[in-house]
Amino acid sequence: MRTRWQRFKDSYMLHSFLRDPVALTSFIILALLFVSAFGAPVLAPHNPYDPTTVDIMNAQLPPSWEHGGTEQFLLGTDAQGRDILSTMLYGMRVSIIIGVGAVCLQAFLGIVVGLLSGYVRRLDNILMRIADVQLSFSTYMVAIFIGAIVQTAFGVAGYEDVAVPLLIVIIGLAEWPQYARTVRASVLAERRKEYVEAARVIGLPSSRIMWRHILPNTLSPVLVISTVQVANAIMSEAALSFLGLGMPVTKPSLGSLITAGFEYIFSGSWWITIFPGILLVLLILVINLLGDWVRDFLNPKLYKG
């Protein structure tokens, strides 16, 4: 009997993936970015969270290849004297955690609501109207409302400690209706099929039918949405940080790094914003390219092999 690994190696999905140079290159780059981000404590030349390693006299040093630069700081330093390369690695880790965490929350809420709405007909109108109301509030409106309450309750210092889970909750609560509507549509199609009727006939409870039988057949569109939503969540975090509603400067993310250096970009210290901006664009690009491949592969009408 073949193992799961052997079946995966012989699968059409892996064969098609390896034949697609864009998807393969995107995956390799994304894997390197993930390793760099979560290996930051080992790979980063400096620790931006350790104030003993930061010297304000090193503030706004240019990259090492520019006049006035030093090999100690390959990509230069920011206005606080922190190494840009190190803050980018640590900041990318924060951005990825927020993006993945927000998508997990979105998916959980959306799948639960979508299953209940599609299978339990008496709940359909109520849950979908709640989703419509949620869609009328933008991510930034929710962020302003919740962020103001938290900063008032905990203060600036307290906000720094809860910024990451708070942003996960804000972005997750703002975007779950997309999952709910997609799952609901899939459930409406699946609930009329023979295997669901057979499960009802033999007396299986509705909860088991929903979670063990219908849900696995609705995960393909959920997977496609998730790849796109991770990139959207990372962009939302960057936008919120740029507006002053995201990560504080003392705890860098890619968005807060871009924000912190924006006021210096026209004074000559372009590297503080440009390098984190390039990394953010690269991260979002490779995620979106992988998402496009997953969407095309799971849609036989689009995928051409």
Foldseek 3Di string as FASTA:
>chain_A
DDDPVVCVVVDPVVVVQVVDVLLVVLVVVLVVLVCLQVCLVPPPLDDLLDVVRADQVQALQAAQVDPRHNPSQRHGHHNRRHRLVSLLSPQANLLLLLLLLLLVLLLVVQLVLQLCLQPVVVCVVVSVVVLVVLQVAALVNLLVVVLVVQCVVQNPVRCQVCQSVVLSVSSNSNPNSVSNVQSSVQSNVPCPDDVNVVCVVVPDDPVCCSPVPSVVVSCLVSVLVSLLSSLVSSVVQLVCLLVVRHHDCSRHHLSVQLNSCVVCCVVPSVSSNPVSVVVSVSNSVSSVSNSVVSVQVVDVVRPDD
